[in-house]
Amino acid sequence: MISYYDRLLNTTISTFFGVGVIWTAIGMETALVHALETVEKGQEAGAGMSAWGLLERLVNGGLLLALSTTVFGGVCGYALRLVKIIFLGKEWDRTILKG
């Protein structure tokens, strides 16, 4: 029974990390498209755009939200690893040592 909970928690932990990375990629792509669309609409010529201007457009397009999904996924993943150690650690060790 303990191995079931171990596998379940491992899958949940991996899912948090995976979803965090996937949503970051989607959010960064959305922010980049937003930044490039504002340039194409003639707000500023692409060649004359400064790095700060591009960064501002990326932030307005959702870059910070995209990066926060990585932080959220990481925090939840590592917190679940800690929960796994606290609640299953001793029982798992006993099961393995009986082996």
C-alpha atoms as a PDB file:
ATOM      1  CA  MET A   1       0.000   0.000   0.000  1.00  0.00           C
ATOM      2  CA  ILE A   2       2.854   2.366   0.778  1.00  0.00           C
ATOM      3  CA  SER A   3       4.276   1.937  -2.726  1.00  0.00           C
ATOM      4  CA  TYR A   4       0.928   3.089  -4.173  1.00  0.00           C
ATOM      5  CA  TYR A   5       1.093   6.363  -2.231  1.00  0.00           C
ATOM      6  CA  ASP A   6       4.739   6.746  -3.174  1.00  0.00           C
ATOM      7  CA  ARG A   7       3.932   6.409  -6.889  1.00  0.00           C
ATOM      8  CA  LEU A   8       0.913   8.689  -6.540  1.00  0.00           C
ATOM      9  CA  LEU A   9       2.938  11.427  -4.880  1.00  0.00           C
ATOM     10  CA  ASN A  10       5.788  11.062  -7.389  1.00  0.00           C
ATOM     11  CA  THR A  11       3.333  11.481 -10.242  1.00  0.00           C
ATOM     12  CA  THR A  12       1.711  14.501  -8.604  1.00  0.00           C
ATOM     13  CA  ILE A  13       5.100  16.095  -7.959  1.00  0.00           C
ATOM     14  CA  SER A  14       6.173  15.552 -11.560  1.00  0.00           C
ATOM     15  CA  THR A  15       2.880  16.989 -12.764  1.00  0.00           C
ATOM     16  CA  PHE A  16       3.413  20.206 -10.795  1.00  0.00           C
ATOM     17  CA  PHE A  17       6.900  20.631 -12.245  1.00  0.00           C
ATOM     18  CA  GLY A  18       5.705  19.776 -15.757  1.00  0.00           C
ATOM     19  CA  VAL A  19       2.687  22.054 -15.729  1.00  0.00           C
ATOM     20  CA  GLY A  20       4.831  24.895 -14.391  1.00  0.00           C
ATOM     21  CA  VAL A  21       7.295  24.518 -17.248  1.00  0.00           C
ATOM     22  CA  ILE A  22       4.622  24.100 -19.919  1.00  0.00           C
ATOM     23  CA  TRP A  23       2.628  27.143 -18.792  1.00  0.00           C
ATOM     24  CA  THR A  24       5.835  29.165 -18.645  1.00  0.00           C
ATOM     25  CA  ALA A  25       6.597  28.289 -22.254  1.00  0.00           C
ATOM     26  CA  ILE A  26       3.053  29.150 -23.350  1.00  0.00           C
ATOM     27  CA  GLY A  27       3.084  32.425 -21.418  1.00  0.00           C
ATOM     28  CA  MET A  28       6.470  33.463 -22.749  1.00  0.00           C
ATOM     29  CA  GLU A  29       5.341  32.747 -26.306  1.00  0.00           C
ATOM     30  CA  THR A  30       2.212  34.841 -25.724  1.00  0.00           C
ATOM     31  CA  ALA A  31       4.279  37.713 -24.297  1.00  0.00           C
ATOM     32  CA  LEU A  32       6.651  37.593 -27.255  1.00  0.00           C
ATOM     33  CA  VAL A  33       3.799  37.583 -29.772  1.00  0.00           C
ATOM     34  CA  HIS A  34       2.241  40.548 -27.956  1.00  0.00           C
ATOM     35  CA  ALA A  35       5.535  42.464 -28.044  1.00  0.00           C
ATOM     36  CA  LEU A  36       6.052  41.763 -31.729  1.00  0.00           C
ATOM     37  CA  GLU A  37       2.445  42.617 -32.646  1.00  0.00           C
ATOM     38  CA  THR A  38       2.749  46.061 -31.069  1.00  0.00           C
ATOM     39  CA  VAL A  39       5.869  46.672 -33.158  1.00  0.00           C
ATOM     40  CA  GLU A  40       4.117  45.538 -36.344  1.00  0.00           C
ATOM     41  CA  LYS A  41       1.204  47.885 -35.704  1.00  0.00           C
ATOM     42  CA  GLY A  42       3.616  50.774 -36.156  1.00  0.00           C
ATOM     43  CA  GLN A  43       3.971  51.891 -32.559  1.00  0.00           C
ATOM     44  CA  GLU A  44       7.729  51.859 -32.968  1.00  0.00           C
ATOM     45  CA  ALA A  45      10.013  50.715 -35.748  1.00  0.00           C
ATOM     46  CA  GLY A  46      11.564  47.313 -35.030  1.00  0.00           C
ATOM     47  CA  ALA A  47      15.105  48.424 -35.837  1.00  0.00           C
ATOM     48  CA  GLY A  48      14.834  51.500 -33.626  1.00  0.00           C
ATOM     49  CA  MET A  49      13.313  49.753 -30.625  1.00  0.00           C
ATOM     50  CA  SER A  50      15.437  49.833 -27.499  1.00  0.00           C
ATOM     51  CA  ALA A  51      15.969  46.866 -25.203  1.00  0.00           C
ATOM     52  CA  TRP A  52      13.936  48.614 -22.504  1.00  0.00           C
ATOM     53  CA  GLY A  53      11.077  49.107 -24.948  1.00  0.00           C
ATOM     54  CA  LEU A  54      11.064  45.419 -25.826  1.00  0.00           C
ATOM     55  CA  LEU A  55      11.253  44.445 -22.152  1.00  0.00           C
ATOM     56  CA  GLU A  56       8.321  46.735 -21.367  1.00  0.00           C
ATOM     57  CA  ARG A  57       6.252  45.127 -24.110  1.00  0.00           C
ATOM     58  CA  LEU A  58       7.180  41.645 -22.897  1.00  0.00           C
ATOM     59  CA  VAL A  59       6.165  42.516 -19.332  1.00  0.00           C
ATOM     60  CA  ASN A  60       2.895  44.057 -20.546  1.00  0.00           C
ATOM     61  CA  GLY A  61       2.307  40.927 -22.604  1.00  0.00           C
ATOM     62  CA  GLY A  62       2.426  38.671 -19.546  1.00  0.00           C
ATOM     63  CA  LEU A  63       6.078  37.704 -19.087  1.00  0.00           C
ATOM     64  CA  LEU A  64       5.986  38.035 -15.293  1.00  0.00           C
ATOM     65  CA  LEU A  65       2.854  35.921 -15.061  1.00  0.00           C
ATOM     66  CA  ALA A  66       4.505  33.296 -17.256  1.00  0.00           C
ATOM     67  CA  LEU A  67       7.582  33.171 -15.049  1.00  0.00           C
ATOM     68  CA  SER A  68       5.462  32.996 -11.904  1.00  0.00           C
ATOM     69  CA  THR A  69       4.024  29.677 -13.098  1.00  0.00           C
ATOM     70  CA  THR A  70       7.528  28.202 -12.895  1.00  0.00           C
ATOM     71  CA  VAL A  71       7.880  29.471  -9.347  1.00  0.00           C
ATOM     72  CA  PHE A  72       4.445  28.126  -8.390  1.00  0.00           C
ATOM     73  CA  GLY A  73       5.147  24.718  -9.930  1.00  0.00           C
ATOM     74  CA  GLY A  74       8.541  24.530  -8.238  1.00  0.00           C
ATOM     75  CA  VAL A  75       7.254  25.562  -4.810  1.00  0.00           C
ATOM     76  CA  CYS A  76       4.386  23.067  -4.978  1.00  0.00           C
ATOM     77  CA  GLY A  77       6.653  20.301  -6.270  1.00  0.00           C
ATOM     78  CA  TYR A  78       9.249  20.773  -3.555  1.00  0.00           C
ATOM     79  CA  ALA A  79       6.562  21.184  -0.876  1.00  0.00           C
ATOM     80  CA  LEU A  80       5.036  17.864  -1.943  1.00  0.00           C
ATOM     81  CA  ARG A  81       8.465  16.227  -1.754  1.00  0.00           C
ATOM     82  CA  LEU A  82       8.715  17.473   1.819  1.00  0.00           C
ATOM     83  CA  VAL A  83       5.211  16.180   2.587  1.00  0.00           C
ATOM     84  CA  LYS A  84       6.205  12.822   1.126  1.00  0.00           C
ATOM     85  CA  ILE A  85       9.250  12.604   3.375  1.00  0.00           C
ATOM     86  CA  ILE A  86       7.314  13.642   6.473  1.00  0.00           C
ATOM     87  CA  PHE A  87       4.290  11.395   6.003  1.00  0.00           C
ATOM     88  CA  LEU A  88       5.691   8.407   4.094  1.00  0.00           C
ATOM     89  CA  GLY A  89       9.383   8.450   4.940  1.00  0.00           C
ATOM     90  CA  LYS A  90       9.415   6.330   8.094  1.00  0.00           C
ATOM     91  CA  GLU A  91       6.914   3.805   6.742  1.00  0.00           C
ATOM     92  CA  TRP A  92       8.829   3.544   3.457  1.00  0.00           C
ATOM     93  CA  ASP A  93      12.097   2.949   5.332  1.00  0.00           C
ATOM     94  CA  ARG A  94      10.472   0.250   7.452  1.00  0.00           C
ATOM     95  CA  THR A  95       9.089  -1.450   4.349  1.00  0.00           C
ATOM     96  CA  ILE A  96      12.447  -1.422   2.570  1.00  0.00           C
ATOM     97  CA  LEU A  97      14.413  -2.625   5.622  1.00  0.00           C
ATOM     98  CA  LYS A  98      12.016  -5.559   6.135  1.00  0.00           C
ATOM     99  CA  GLY A  99      12.574  -6.405   2.435  1.00  0.00           C
END
